[in-house]
Amino acid sequence: MASFKDTKGRIWSPRITLLVLSKLESSLGMKFLGGADSEKIKDTVFGSIDNFLTALWYSIESEAVTRAVDRAELGESLDGAATIAATDAFGQAMRDFWPQAGEAGLRPTEGTEMNGTGPKSSP
């Protein structure tokens, strides 16, 4: 199980479950099962900061509740390096849920950097 450390030194382990996917379907308005397109999932989840923070939050929500950390506090504790680590850990959690997803490319593009609209390829 992949994990990442936020700027407050807390270690988080994103986990994808059917409940997480159900919340993401409702929140992001897209299908994750039954013919879901891995490119569309990647573009939606990793394509905007808000979508990624939402997906990340749902994947660690049970840990966060135990630690009395809310979504805003999580977001505040993710600087550039922590966000990259969180992106990698979330991508690994998705690949753990769907082992075939790694083959289909369900991961952020290598050599990306986060900006106001989400990961962008470096020139």
PDB file of N, CA and C in Angstrom:
ATOM      1  N   MET A   1       0.848  -1.170   0.000  1.00  0.00           N
ATOM      2  CA  MET A   1       0.000   0.000   0.000  1.00  0.00           C
ATOM      3  C   MET A   1       0.900   1.242   0.000  1.00  0.00           C
ATOM      4  N   ALA A   2       0.674   2.108  -0.949  1.00  0.00           N
ATOM      5  CA  ALA A   2       1.468   3.331  -1.075  1.00  0.00           C
ATOM      6  C   ALA A   2       1.007   4.365  -0.061  1.00  0.00           C
ATOM      7  N   SER A   3       1.922   5.229   0.330  1.00  0.00           N
ATOM      8  CA  SER A   3       1.584   6.289   1.269  1.00  0.00           C
ATOM      9  C   SER A   3       2.353   7.547   0.901  1.00  0.00           C
ATOM     10  N   PHE A   4       1.960   8.660   1.546  1.00  0.00           N
ATOM     11  CA  PHE A   4       2.656   9.924   1.346  1.00  0.00           C
ATOM     12  C   PHE A   4       2.648  10.688   2.655  1.00  0.00           C
ATOM     13  N   LYS A   5       3.564  11.633   2.775  1.00  0.00           N
ATOM     14  CA  LYS A   5       3.669  12.452   3.973  1.00  0.00           C
ATOM     15  C   LYS A   5       3.289  13.881   3.623  1.00  0.00           C
ATOM     16  N   ASP A   6       2.419  14.491   4.455  1.00  0.00           N
ATOM     17  CA  ASP A   6       2.057  15.888   4.235  1.00  0.00           C
ATOM     18  C   ASP A   6       3.066  16.793   4.951  1.00  0.00           C
ATOM     19  N   THR A   7       2.891  18.095   4.836  1.00  0.00           N
ATOM     20  CA  THR A   7       3.862  19.032   5.396  1.00  0.00           C
ATOM     21  C   THR A   7       3.836  19.082   6.920  1.00  0.00           C
ATOM     22  N   LYS A   8       2.839  18.448   7.527  1.00  0.00           N
ATOM     23  CA  LYS A   8       2.785  18.387   8.989  1.00  0.00           C
ATOM     24  C   LYS A   8       3.354  17.073   9.509  1.00  0.00           C
ATOM     25  N   GLY A   9       3.943  16.288   8.603  1.00  0.00           N
ATOM     26  CA  GLY A   9       4.578  15.036   8.999  1.00  0.00           C
ATOM     27  C   GLY A   9       3.638  13.856   9.137  1.00  0.00           C
ATOM     28  N   ARG A  10       2.364  14.037   8.797  1.00  0.00           N
ATOM     29  CA  ARG A  10       1.398  12.934   8.882  1.00  0.00           C
ATOM     30  C   ARG A  10       1.547  12.043   7.658  1.00  0.00           C
ATOM     31  N   ILE A  11       1.495  10.757   7.876  1.00  0.00           N
ATOM     32  CA  ILE A  11       1.586   9.797   6.778  1.00  0.00           C
ATOM     33  C   ILE A  11       0.187   9.285   6.473  1.00  0.00           C
ATOM     34  N   TRP A  12      -0.182   9.362   5.193  1.00  0.00           N
ATOM     35  CA  TRP A  12      -1.507   8.963   4.715  1.00  0.00           C
ATOM     36  C   TRP A  12      -1.362   7.812   3.728  1.00  0.00           C
ATOM     37  N   SER A  13      -2.332   6.912   3.737  1.00  0.00           N
ATOM     38  CA  SER A  13      -2.345   5.767   2.825  1.00  0.00           C
ATOM     39  C   SER A  13      -3.661   5.742   2.050  1.00  0.00           C
ATOM     40  N   PRO A  14      -3.686   6.328   0.850  1.00  0.00           N
ATOM     41  CA  PRO A  14      -4.913   6.301   0.049  1.00  0.00           C
ATOM     42  C   PRO A  14      -5.370   4.866  -0.208  1.00  0.00           C
ATOM     43  N   ARG A  15      -6.675   4.673  -0.165  1.00  0.00           N
ATOM     44  CA  ARG A  15      -7.253   3.348  -0.388  1.00  0.00           C
ATOM     45  C   ARG A  15      -8.507   3.507  -1.222  1.00  0.00           C
ATOM     46  N   ILE A  16      -8.587   2.760  -2.302  1.00  0.00           N
ATOM     47  CA  ILE A  16      -9.763   2.796  -3.171  1.00  0.00           C
ATOM     48  C   ILE A  16     -10.659   1.617  -2.818  1.00  0.00           C
ATOM     49  N   THR A  17     -11.921   1.918  -2.566  1.00  0.00           N
ATOM     50  CA  THR A  17     -12.942   0.907  -2.276  1.00  0.00           C
ATOM     51  C   THR A  17     -14.171   1.239  -3.112  1.00  0.00           C
ATOM     52  N   LEU A  18     -15.150   0.369  -3.095  1.00  0.00           N
ATOM     53  CA  LEU A  18     -16.392   0.668  -3.817  1.00  0.00           C
ATOM     54  C   LEU A  18     -17.070   1.906  -3.252  1.00  0.00           C
ATOM     55  N   LEU A  19     -16.988   2.117  -1.934  1.00  0.00           N
ATOM     56  CA  LEU A  19     -17.582   3.313  -1.347  1.00  0.00           C
ATOM     57  C   LEU A  19     -16.882   4.566  -1.867  1.00  0.00           C
ATOM     58  N   VAL A  20     -15.563   4.540  -1.942  1.00  0.00           N
ATOM     59  CA  VAL A  20     -14.813   5.680  -2.487  1.00  0.00           C
ATOM     60  C   VAL A  20     -15.246   5.939  -3.928  1.00  0.00           C
ATOM     61  N   LEU A  21     -15.335   4.892  -4.736  1.00  0.00           N
ATOM     62  CA  LEU A  21     -15.737   5.066  -6.131  1.00  0.00           C
ATOM     63  C   LEU A  21     -17.162   5.594  -6.239  1.00  0.00           C
ATOM     64  N   SER A  22     -18.049   5.133  -5.363  1.00  0.00           N
ATOM     65  CA  SER A  22     -19.417   5.629  -5.370  1.00  0.00           C
ATOM     66  C   SER A  22     -19.457   7.127  -5.067  1.00  0.00           C
ATOM     67  N   LYS A  23     -18.696   7.554  -4.078  1.00  0.00           N
ATOM     68  CA  LYS A  23     -18.634   8.979  -3.752  1.00  0.00           C
ATOM     69  C   LYS A  23     -18.043   9.780  -4.914  1.00  0.00           C
ATOM     70  N   LEU A  24     -17.017   9.235  -5.557  1.00  0.00           N
ATOM     71  CA  LEU A  24     -16.415   9.931  -6.695  1.00  0.00           C
ATOM     72  C   LEU A  24     -17.379  10.019  -7.870  1.00  0.00           C
ATOM     73  N   GLU A  25     -18.129   8.945  -8.130  1.00  0.00           N
ATOM     74  CA  GLU A  25     -19.113   9.001  -9.217  1.00  0.00           C
ATOM     75  C   GLU A  25     -20.121  10.110  -8.972  1.00  0.00           C
ATOM     76  N   SER A  26     -20.614  10.202  -7.740  1.00  0.00           N
ATOM     77  CA  SER A  26     -21.593  11.249  -7.408  1.00  0.00           C
ATOM     78  C   SER A  26     -20.970  12.637  -7.485  1.00  0.00           C
ATOM     79  N   SER A  27     -19.772  12.765  -6.986  1.00  0.00           N
ATOM     80  CA  SER A  27     -19.113  14.067  -6.914  1.00  0.00           C
ATOM     81  C   SER A  27     -18.608  14.553  -8.273  1.00  0.00           C
ATOM     82  N   LEU A  28     -18.011  13.645  -9.041  1.00  0.00           N
ATOM     83  CA  LEU A  28     -17.394  14.043 -10.317  1.00  0.00           C
ATOM     84  C   LEU A  28     -18.297  13.792 -11.520  1.00  0.00           C
ATOM     85  N   GLY A  29     -19.411  13.087 -11.303  1.00  0.00           N
ATOM     86  CA  GLY A  29     -20.361  12.865 -12.382  1.00  0.00           C
ATOM     87  C   GLY A  29     -19.857  11.969 -13.491  1.00  0.00           C
ATOM     88  N   MET A  30     -19.128  10.930 -13.131  1.00  0.00           N
ATOM     89  CA  MET A  30     -18.639  10.008 -14.150  1.00  0.00           C
ATOM     90  C   MET A  30     -18.663   8.579 -13.627  1.00  0.00           C
ATOM     91  N   LYS A  31     -18.599   7.625 -14.545  1.00  0.00           N
ATOM     92  CA  LYS A  31     -18.623   6.215 -14.186  1.00  0.00           C
ATOM     93  C   LYS A  31     -17.205   5.720 -13.942  1.00  0.00           C
ATOM     94  N   PHE A  32     -17.056   4.889 -12.912  1.00  0.00           N
ATOM     95  CA  PHE A  32     -15.777   4.256 -12.638  1.00  0.00           C
ATOM     96  C   PHE A  32     -15.816   2.754 -12.896  1.00  0.00           C
ATOM     97  N   LEU A  33     -16.996   2.188 -13.037  1.00  0.00           N
ATOM     98  CA  LEU A  33     -17.142   0.773 -13.324  1.00  0.00           C
ATOM     99  C   LEU A  33     -17.999   0.613 -14.565  1.00  0.00           C
ATOM    100  N   GLY A  34     -18.078  -0.589 -15.082  1.00  0.00           N
ATOM    101  CA  GLY A  34     -18.969  -0.870 -16.197  1.00  0.00           C
ATOM    102  C   GLY A  34     -18.658  -0.076 -17.449  1.00  0.00           C
ATOM    103  N   GLY A  35     -17.487  -0.272 -17.997  1.00  0.00           N
ATOM    104  CA  GLY A  35     -17.131   0.391 -19.237  1.00  0.00           C
ATOM    105  C   GLY A  35     -16.490   1.750 -19.069  1.00  0.00           C
ATOM    106  N   ALA A  36     -15.977   2.036 -17.895  1.00  0.00           N
ATOM    107  CA  ALA A  36     -15.304   3.316 -17.667  1.00  0.00           C
ATOM    108  C   ALA A  36     -14.068   3.424 -18.545  1.00  0.00           C
ATOM    109  N   ASP A  37     -13.819   4.597 -19.054  1.00  0.00           N
ATOM    110  CA  ASP A  37     -12.679   4.880 -19.917  1.00  0.00           C
ATOM    111  C   ASP A  37     -11.515   5.370 -19.056  1.00  0.00           C
ATOM    112  N   SER A  38     -10.398   4.617 -19.030  1.00  0.00           N
ATOM    113  CA  SER A  38      -9.281   4.977 -18.151  1.00  0.00           C
ATOM    114  C   SER A  38      -8.695   6.342 -18.498  1.00  0.00           C
ATOM    115  N   GLU A  39      -8.699   6.723 -19.754  1.00  0.00           N
ATOM    116  CA  GLU A  39      -8.184   8.053 -20.128  1.00  0.00           C
ATOM    117  C   GLU A  39      -9.088   9.155 -19.575  1.00  0.00           C
ATOM    118  N   LYS A  40     -10.402   8.934 -19.643  1.00  0.00           N
ATOM    119  CA  LYS A  40     -11.339   9.927 -19.107  1.00  0.00           C
ATOM    120  C   LYS A  40     -11.200  10.027 -17.587  1.00  0.00           C
ATOM    121  N   ILE A  41     -11.045   8.865 -16.929  1.00  0.00           N
ATOM    122  CA  ILE A  41     -10.839   8.879 -15.478  1.00  0.00           C
ATOM    123  C   ILE A  41      -9.576   9.661 -15.145  1.00  0.00           C
ATOM    124  N   LYS A  42      -8.485   9.368 -15.826  1.00  0.00           N
ATOM    125  CA  LYS A  42      -7.214  10.058 -15.582  1.00  0.00           C
ATOM    126  C   LYS A  42      -7.366  11.555 -15.810  1.00  0.00           C
ATOM    127  N   ASP A  43      -7.978  11.936 -16.929  1.00  0.00           N
ATOM    128  CA  ASP A  43      -8.149  13.360 -17.235  1.00  0.00           C
ATOM    129  C   ASP A  43      -9.038  14.061 -16.210  1.00  0.00           C
ATOM    130  N   THR A  44     -10.073  13.371 -15.742  1.00  0.00           N
ATOM    131  CA  THR A  44     -10.987  13.984 -14.773  1.00  0.00           C
ATOM    132  C   THR A  44     -10.349  14.093 -13.395  1.00  0.00           C
ATOM    133  N   VAL A  45      -9.776  13.010 -12.905  1.00  0.00           N
ATOM    134  CA  VAL A  45      -9.215  13.006 -11.554  1.00  0.00           C
ATOM    135  C   VAL A  45      -7.964  13.870 -11.467  1.00  0.00           C
ATOM    136  N   PHE A  46      -7.051  13.711 -12.410  1.00  0.00           N
ATOM    137  CA  PHE A  46      -5.782  14.425 -12.348  1.00  0.00           C
ATOM    138  C   PHE A  46      -5.803  15.742 -13.128  1.00  0.00           C
ATOM    139  N   GLY A  47      -6.930  16.040 -13.769  1.00  0.00           N
ATOM    140  CA  GLY A  47      -7.010  17.214 -14.629  1.00  0.00           C
ATOM    141  C   GLY A  47      -7.336  18.520 -13.940  1.00  0.00           C
ATOM    142  N   SER A  48      -7.721  18.476 -12.677  1.00  0.00           N
ATOM    143  CA  SER A  48      -7.952  19.721 -11.938  1.00  0.00           C
ATOM    144  C   SER A  48      -7.586  19.503 -10.482  1.00  0.00           C
ATOM    145  N   ILE A  49      -7.133  20.547  -9.855  1.00  0.00           N
ATOM    146  CA  ILE A  49      -6.728  20.455  -8.458  1.00  0.00           C
ATOM    147  C   ILE A  49      -7.921  20.086  -7.584  1.00  0.00           C
ATOM    148  N   ASP A  50      -9.079  20.697  -7.814  1.00  0.00           N
ATOM    149  CA  ASP A  50     -10.245  20.404  -6.995  1.00  0.00           C
ATOM    150  C   ASP A  50     -10.663  18.946  -7.141  1.00  0.00           C
ATOM    151  N   ASN A  51     -10.682  18.429  -8.365  1.00  0.00           N
ATOM    152  CA  ASN A  51     -11.051  17.029  -8.566  1.00  0.00           C
ATOM    153  C   ASN A  51     -10.057  16.101  -7.878  1.00  0.00           C
ATOM    154  N   PHE A  52      -8.758  16.413  -7.992  1.00  0.00           N
ATOM    155  CA  PHE A  52      -7.763  15.556  -7.353  1.00  0.00           C
ATOM    156  C   PHE A  52      -7.901  15.604  -5.833  1.00  0.00           C
ATOM    157  N   LEU A  53      -8.082  16.804  -5.270  1.00  0.00           N
ATOM    158  CA  LEU A  53      -8.234  16.911  -3.816  1.00  0.00           C
ATOM    159  C   LEU A  53      -9.476  16.150  -3.353  1.00  0.00           C
ATOM    160  N   THR A  54     -10.549  16.221  -4.118  1.00  0.00           N
ATOM    161  CA  THR A  54     -11.764  15.471  -3.788  1.00  0.00           C
ATOM    162  C   THR A  54     -11.490  13.971  -3.804  1.00  0.00           C
ATOM    163  N   ALA A  55     -10.852  13.493  -4.859  1.00  0.00           N
ATOM    164  CA  ALA A  55     -10.544  12.063  -4.975  1.00  0.00           C
ATOM    165  C   ALA A  55      -9.606  11.622  -3.851  1.00  0.00           C
ATOM    166  N   LEU A  56      -8.586  12.418  -3.600  1.00  0.00           N
ATOM    167  CA  LEU A  56      -7.642  12.087  -2.531  1.00  0.00           C
ATOM    168  C   LEU A  56      -8.359  12.058  -1.187  1.00  0.00           C
ATOM    169  N   TRP A  57      -9.195  13.067  -0.931  1.00  0.00           N
ATOM    170  CA  TRP A  57      -9.925  13.141   0.334  1.00  0.00           C
ATOM    171  C   TRP A  57     -10.747  11.881   0.557  1.00  0.00           C
ATOM    172  N   TYR A  58     -11.543  11.479  -0.439  1.00  0.00           N
ATOM    173  CA  TYR A  58     -12.369  10.290  -0.274  1.00  0.00           C
ATOM    174  C   TYR A  58     -11.510   9.049  -0.007  1.00  0.00           C
ATOM    175  N   SER A  59     -10.321   8.989  -0.591  1.00  0.00           N
ATOM    176  CA  SER A  59      -9.471   7.809  -0.432  1.00  0.00           C
ATOM    177  C   SER A  59      -8.780   7.744   0.932  1.00  0.00           C
ATOM    178  N   ILE A  60      -8.741   8.852   1.666  1.00  0.00           N
ATOM    179  CA  ILE A  60      -8.132   8.847   3.005  1.00  0.00           C
ATOM    180  C   ILE A  60      -9.112   9.317   4.082  1.00  0.00           C
ATOM    181  N   GLU A  61     -10.357   9.497   3.716  1.00  0.00           N
ATOM    182  CA  GLU A  61     -11.343  10.081   4.629  1.00  0.00           C
ATOM    183  C   GLU A  61     -11.434   9.347   5.965  1.00  0.00           C
ATOM    184  N   SER A  62     -11.422   8.018   5.955  1.00  0.00           N
ATOM    185  CA  SER A  62     -11.547   7.290   7.224  1.00  0.00           C
ATOM    186  C   SER A  62     -10.344   7.558   8.122  1.00  0.00           C
ATOM    187  N   GLU A  63      -9.147   7.649   7.550  1.00  0.00           N
ATOM    188  CA  GLU A  63      -7.959   8.010   8.335  1.00  0.00           C
ATOM    189  C   GLU A  63      -8.094   9.429   8.879  1.00  0.00           C
ATOM    190  N   ALA A  64      -8.562  10.327   8.039  1.00  0.00           N
ATOM    191  CA  ALA A  64      -8.676  11.736   8.426  1.00  0.00           C
ATOM    192  C   ALA A  64      -9.674  11.927   9.559  1.00  0.00           C
ATOM    193  N   VAL A  65     -10.798  11.231   9.494  1.00  0.00           N
ATOM    194  CA  VAL A  65     -11.799  11.341  10.551  1.00  0.00           C
ATOM    195  C   VAL A  65     -11.194  10.882  11.881  1.00  0.00           C
ATOM    196  N   THR A  66     -10.455   9.784  11.862  1.00  0.00           N
ATOM    197  CA  THR A  66      -9.801   9.279  13.071  1.00  0.00           C
ATOM    198  C   THR A  66      -8.835  10.313  13.650  1.00  0.00           C
ATOM    199  N   ARG A  67      -8.181  11.070  12.775  1.00  0.00           N
ATOM    200  CA  ARG A  67      -7.206  12.077  13.206  1.00  0.00           C
ATOM    201  C   ARG A  67      -7.816  13.467  13.393  1.00  0.00           C
ATOM    202  N   ALA A  68      -9.113  13.589  13.168  1.00  0.00           N
ATOM    203  CA  ALA A  68      -9.822  14.873  13.273  1.00  0.00           C
ATOM    204  C   ALA A  68      -9.227  15.927  12.333  1.00  0.00           C
ATOM    205  N   VAL A  69      -8.940  15.493  11.105  1.00  0.00           N
ATOM    206  CA  VAL A  69      -8.435  16.385  10.057  1.00  0.00           C
ATOM    207  C   VAL A  69      -9.547  16.550   9.033  1.00  0.00           C
ATOM    208  N   ASP A  70      -9.863  17.793   8.664  1.00  0.00           N
ATOM    209  CA  ASP A  70     -10.889  18.005   7.643  1.00  0.00           C
ATOM    210  C   ASP A  70     -10.236  18.245   6.280  1.00  0.00           C
ATOM    211  N   ARG A  71     -11.070  18.310   5.259  1.00  0.00           N
ATOM    212  CA  ARG A  71     -10.586  18.445   3.880  1.00  0.00           C
ATOM    213  C   ARG A  71      -9.746  19.707   3.703  1.00  0.00           C
ATOM    214  N   ALA A  72     -10.191  20.806   4.290  1.00  0.00           N
ATOM    215  CA  ALA A  72      -9.446  22.065   4.155  1.00  0.00           C
ATOM    216  C   ALA A  72      -8.064  21.952   4.793  1.00  0.00           C
ATOM    217  N   GLU A  73      -7.986  21.337   5.959  1.00  0.00           N
ATOM    218  CA  GLU A  73      -6.684  21.175   6.616  1.00  0.00           C
ATOM    219  C   GLU A  73      -5.771  20.273   5.792  1.00  0.00           C
ATOM    220  N   LEU A  74      -6.348  19.223   5.195  1.00  0.00           N
ATOM    221  CA  LEU A  74      -5.541  18.371   4.325  1.00  0.00           C
ATOM    222  C   LEU A  74      -4.980  19.188   3.173  1.00  0.00           C
ATOM    223  N   GLY A  75      -5.840  19.951   2.507  1.00  0.00           N
ATOM    224  CA  GLY A  75      -5.394  20.773   1.382  1.00  0.00           C
ATOM    225  C   GLY A  75      -4.306  21.747   1.765  1.00  0.00           C
ATOM    226  N   GLU A  76      -4.412  22.344   2.936  1.00  0.00           N
ATOM    227  CA  GLU A  76      -3.398  23.281   3.419  1.00  0.00           C
ATOM    228  C   GLU A  76      -2.069  22.595   3.697  1.00  0.00           C
ATOM    229  N   SER A  77      -2.094  21.298   3.955  1.00  0.00           N
ATOM    230  CA  SER A  77      -0.874  20.576   4.305  1.00  0.00           C
ATOM    231  C   SER A  77      -0.192  19.932   3.100  1.00  0.00           C
ATOM    232  N   LEU A  78      -0.638  20.288   1.898  1.00  0.00           N
ATOM    233  CA  LEU A  78      -0.045  19.715   0.690  1.00  0.00           C
ATOM    234  C   LEU A  78       0.639  20.801  -0.128  1.00  0.00           C
ATOM    235  N   ASP A  79       1.957  20.888   0.016  1.00  0.00           N
ATOM    236  CA  ASP A  79       2.723  21.789  -0.841  1.00  0.00           C
ATOM    237  C   ASP A  79       3.067  21.027  -2.113  1.00  0.00           C
ATOM    238  N   GLY A  80       3.935  21.576  -2.946  1.00  0.00           N
ATOM    239  CA  GLY A  80       4.256  20.934  -4.221  1.00  0.00           C
ATOM    240  C   GLY A  80       4.788  19.517  -4.076  1.00  0.00           C
ATOM    241  N   ALA A  81       5.786  19.341  -3.211  1.00  0.00           N
ATOM    242  CA  ALA A  81       6.390  18.012  -3.039  1.00  0.00           C
ATOM    243  C   ALA A  81       5.387  17.027  -2.447  1.00  0.00           C
ATOM    244  N   ALA A  82       4.610  17.467  -1.468  1.00  0.00           N
ATOM    245  CA  ALA A  82       3.621  16.579  -0.856  1.00  0.00           C
ATOM    246  C   ALA A  82       2.519  16.230  -1.855  1.00  0.00           C
ATOM    247  N   THR A  83       2.160  17.175  -2.723  1.00  0.00           N
ATOM    248  CA  THR A  83       1.131  16.913  -3.733  1.00  0.00           C
ATOM    249  C   THR A  83       1.621  15.882  -4.742  1.00  0.00           C
ATOM    250  N   ILE A  84       2.866  15.992  -5.150  1.00  0.00           N
ATOM    251  CA  ILE A  84       3.425  14.996  -6.077  1.00  0.00           C
ATOM    252  C   ILE A  84       3.420  13.617  -5.421  1.00  0.00           C
ATOM    253  N   ALA A  85       3.834  13.545  -4.158  1.00  0.00           N
ATOM    254  CA  ALA A  85       3.829  12.267  -3.442  1.00  0.00           C
ATOM    255  C   ALA A  85       2.399  11.731  -3.294  1.00  0.00           C
ATOM    256  N   ALA A  86       1.448  12.625  -3.012  1.00  0.00           N
ATOM    257  CA  ALA A  86       0.048  12.217  -2.879  1.00  0.00           C
ATOM    258  C   ALA A  86      -0.498  11.713  -4.215  1.00  0.00           C
ATOM    259  N   THR A  87      -0.124  12.376  -5.293  1.00  0.00           N
ATOM    260  CA  THR A  87      -0.551  11.954  -6.629  1.00  0.00           C
ATOM    261  C   THR A  87      -0.040  10.555  -6.932  1.00  0.00           C
ATOM    262  N   ASP A  88       1.234  10.315  -6.624  1.00  0.00           N
ATOM    263  CA  ASP A  88       1.811   8.985  -6.848  1.00  0.00           C
ATOM    264  C   ASP A  88       1.106   7.923  -6.002  1.00  0.00           C
ATOM    265  N   ALA A  89       0.860   8.241  -4.719  1.00  0.00           N
ATOM    266  CA  ALA A  89       0.221   7.278  -3.828  1.00  0.00           C
ATOM    267  C   ALA A  89      -1.222   6.996  -4.253  1.00  0.00           C
ATOM    268  N   PHE A  90      -1.941   8.056  -4.667  1.00  0.00           N
ATOM    269  CA  PHE A  90      -3.314   7.857  -5.127  1.00  0.00           C
ATOM    270  C   PHE A  90      -3.322   7.003  -6.403  1.00  0.00           C
ATOM    271  N   GLY A  91      -2.430   7.307  -7.331  1.00  0.00           N
ATOM    272  CA  GLY A  91      -2.332   6.515  -8.558  1.00  0.00           C
ATOM    273  C   GLY A  91      -2.045   5.054  -8.257  1.00  0.00           C
ATOM    274  N   GLN A  92      -1.171   4.797  -7.279  1.00  0.00           N
ATOM    275  CA  GLN A  92      -0.873   3.414  -6.891  1.00  0.00           C
ATOM    276  C   GLN A  92      -2.106   2.755  -6.287  1.00  0.00           C
ATOM    277  N   ALA A  93      -2.867   3.493  -5.491  1.00  0.00           N
ATOM    278  CA  ALA A  93      -4.098   2.933  -4.912  1.00  0.00           C
ATOM    279  C   ALA A  93      -5.088   2.551  -6.015  1.00  0.00           C
ATOM    280  N   MET A  94      -5.178   3.380  -7.049  1.00  0.00           N
ATOM    281  CA  MET A  94      -6.054   3.054  -8.182  1.00  0.00           C
ATOM    282  C   MET A  94      -5.554   1.790  -8.885  1.00  0.00           C
ATOM    283  N   ARG A  95      -4.242   1.694  -9.081  1.00  0.00           N
ATOM    284  CA  ARG A  95      -3.685   0.504  -9.741  1.00  0.00           C
ATOM    285  C   ARG A  95      -3.835  -0.732  -8.866  1.00  0.00           C
ATOM    286  N   ASP A  96      -3.799  -0.566  -7.531  1.00  0.00           N
ATOM    287  CA  ASP A  96      -4.020  -1.702  -6.633  1.00  0.00           C
ATOM    288  C   ASP A  96      -5.466  -2.199  -6.743  1.00  0.00           C
ATOM    289  N   PHE A  97      -6.413  -1.262  -6.883  1.00  0.00           N
ATOM    290  CA  PHE A  97      -7.819  -1.637  -7.020  1.00  0.00           C
ATOM    291  C   PHE A  97      -8.057  -2.309  -8.372  1.00  0.00           C
ATOM    292  N   TRP A  98      -7.480  -1.739  -9.428  1.00  0.00           N
ATOM    293  CA  TRP A  98      -7.587  -2.269 -10.786  1.00  0.00           C
ATOM    294  C   TRP A  98      -6.191  -2.601 -11.283  1.00  0.00           C
ATOM    295  N   PRO A  99      -5.705  -3.799 -11.056  1.00  0.00           N
ATOM    296  CA  PRO A  99      -4.345  -4.127 -11.514  1.00  0.00           C
ATOM    297  C   PRO A  99      -4.133  -3.871 -13.011  1.00  0.00           C
ATOM    298  N   GLN A 100      -5.180  -4.032 -13.802  1.00  0.00           N
ATOM    299  CA  GLN A 100      -5.059  -3.786 -15.238  1.00  0.00           C
ATOM    300  C   GLN A 100      -4.952  -2.299 -15.561  1.00  0.00           C
ATOM    301  N   ALA A 101      -5.242  -1.424 -14.598  1.00  0.00           N
ATOM    302  CA  ALA A 101      -5.207   0.016 -14.851  1.00  0.00           C
ATOM    303  C   ALA A 101      -3.798   0.498 -15.169  1.00  0.00           C
ATOM    304  N   GLY A 102      -2.793  -0.117 -14.559  1.00  0.00           N
ATOM    305  CA  GLY A 102      -1.414   0.268 -14.862  1.00  0.00           C
ATOM    306  C   GLY A 102      -1.085   0.033 -16.324  1.00  0.00           C
ATOM    307  N   GLU A 103      -1.584  -1.074 -16.854  1.00  0.00           N
ATOM    308  CA  GLU A 103      -1.374  -1.366 -18.271  1.00  0.00           C
ATOM    309  C   GLU A 103      -2.129  -0.380 -19.150  1.00  0.00           C
ATOM    310  N   ALA A 104      -3.278   0.102 -18.665  1.00  0.00           N
ATOM    311  CA  ALA A 104      -4.095   1.018 -19.454  1.00  0.00           C
ATOM    312  C   ALA A 104      -3.664   2.467 -19.289  1.00  0.00           C
ATOM    313  N   GLY A 105      -2.678   2.706 -18.433  1.00  0.00           N
ATOM    314  CA  GLY A 105      -2.164   4.064 -18.297  1.00  0.00           C
ATOM    315  C   GLY A 105      -2.873   4.907 -17.262  1.00  0.00           C
ATOM    316  N   LEU A 106      -3.522   4.294 -16.275  1.00  0.00           N
ATOM    317  CA  LEU A 106      -4.235   5.064 -15.253  1.00  0.00           C
ATOM    318  C   LEU A 106      -3.236   5.547 -14.207  1.00  0.00           C
ATOM    319  N   ARG A 107      -2.510   6.574 -14.571  1.00  0.00           N
ATOM    320  CA  ARG A 107      -1.529   7.190 -13.694  1.00  0.00           C
ATOM    321  C   ARG A 107      -1.251   8.574 -14.236  1.00  0.00           C
ATOM    322  N   PRO A 108      -0.778   9.491 -13.398  1.00  0.00           N
ATOM    323  CA  PRO A 108      -0.422  10.799 -13.935  1.00  0.00           C
ATOM    324  C   PRO A 108       0.716  10.638 -14.937  1.00  0.00           C
ATOM    325  N   THR A 109       0.760  11.512 -15.902  1.00  0.00           N
ATOM    326  CA  THR A 109       1.809  11.457 -16.908  1.00  0.00           C
ATOM    327  C   THR A 109       3.152  11.721 -16.252  1.00  0.00           C
ATOM    328  N   GLU A 110       4.158  10.922 -16.579  1.00  0.00           N
ATOM    329  CA  GLU A 110       5.483  11.131 -16.000  1.00  0.00           C
ATOM    330  C   GLU A 110       6.015  12.487 -16.415  1.00  0.00           C
ATOM    331  N   GLY A 111       6.757  13.118 -15.511  1.00  0.00           N
ATOM    332  CA  GLY A 111       7.332  14.430 -15.805  1.00  0.00           C
ATOM    333  C   GLY A 111       6.303  15.536 -15.776  1.00  0.00           C
ATOM    334  N   THR A 112       5.274  15.387 -14.926  1.00  0.00           N
ATOM    335  CA  THR A 112       4.252  16.428 -14.850  1.00  0.00           C
ATOM    336  C   THR A 112       4.533  17.356 -13.693  1.00  0.00           C
ATOM    337  N   GLU A 113       3.953  18.529 -13.778  1.00  0.00           N
ATOM    338  CA  GLU A 113       4.022  19.471 -12.670  1.00  0.00           C
ATOM    339  C   GLU A 113       2.621  20.005 -12.444  1.00  0.00           C
ATOM    340  N   MET A 114       2.287  20.263 -11.200  1.00  0.00           N
ATOM    341  CA  MET A 114       0.955  20.766 -10.882  1.00  0.00           C
ATOM    342  C   MET A 114       0.928  22.273 -11.112  1.00  0.00           C
ATOM    343  N   ASN A 115      -0.170  22.761 -11.663  1.00  0.00           N
ATOM    344  CA  ASN A 115      -0.401  24.199 -11.746  1.00  0.00           C
ATOM    345  C   ASN A 115      -1.864  24.441 -11.412  1.00  0.00           C
ATOM    346  N   GLY A 116      -2.368  25.602 -11.696  1.00  0.00           N
ATOM    347  CA  GLY A 116      -3.737  25.946 -11.326  1.00  0.00           C
ATOM    348  C   GLY A 116      -4.810  25.093 -11.972  1.00  0.00           C
ATOM    349  N   THR A 117      -4.488  24.371 -13.054  1.00  0.00           N
ATOM    350  CA  THR A 117      -5.498  23.571 -13.717  1.00  0.00           C
ATOM    351  C   THR A 117      -5.253  22.085 -13.578  1.00  0.00           C
ATOM    352  N   GLY A 118      -4.188  21.687 -12.943  1.00  0.00           N
ATOM    353  CA  GLY A 118      -3.888  20.271 -12.774  1.00  0.00           C
ATOM    354  C   GLY A 118      -2.546  19.944 -13.373  1.00  0.00           C
ATOM    355  N   PRO A 119      -2.232  18.653 -13.459  1.00  0.00           N
ATOM    356  CA  PRO A 119      -0.936  18.283 -13.999  1.00  0.00           C
ATOM    357  C   PRO A 119      -0.785  18.731 -15.445  1.00  0.00           C
ATOM    358  N   LYS A 120       0.347  19.257 -15.773  1.00  0.00           N
ATOM    359  CA  LYS A 120       0.659  19.647 -17.147  1.00  0.00           C
ATOM    360  C   LYS A 120       2.001  19.052 -17.505  1.00  0.00           C
ATOM    361  N   SER A 121       2.146  18.642 -18.719  1.00  0.00           N
ATOM    362  CA  SER A 121       3.414  18.096 -19.174  1.00  0.00           C
ATOM    363  C   SER A 121       4.464  19.195 -19.208  1.00  0.00           C
ATOM    364  N   SER A 122       5.663  18.843 -18.793  1.00  0.00           N
ATOM    365  CA  SER A 122       6.769  19.793 -18.876  1.00  0.00           C
ATOM    366  C   SER A 122       7.168  19.964 -20.322  1.00  0.00           C
ATOM    367  N   PRO A 123       7.590  21.183 -20.715  1.00  0.00           N
ATOM    368  CA  PRO A 123       7.960  21.382 -22.123  1.00  0.00           C
ATOM    369  C   PRO A 123       9.186  20.613 -22.514  1.00  0.00           C
TER     370      PRO A 123
END
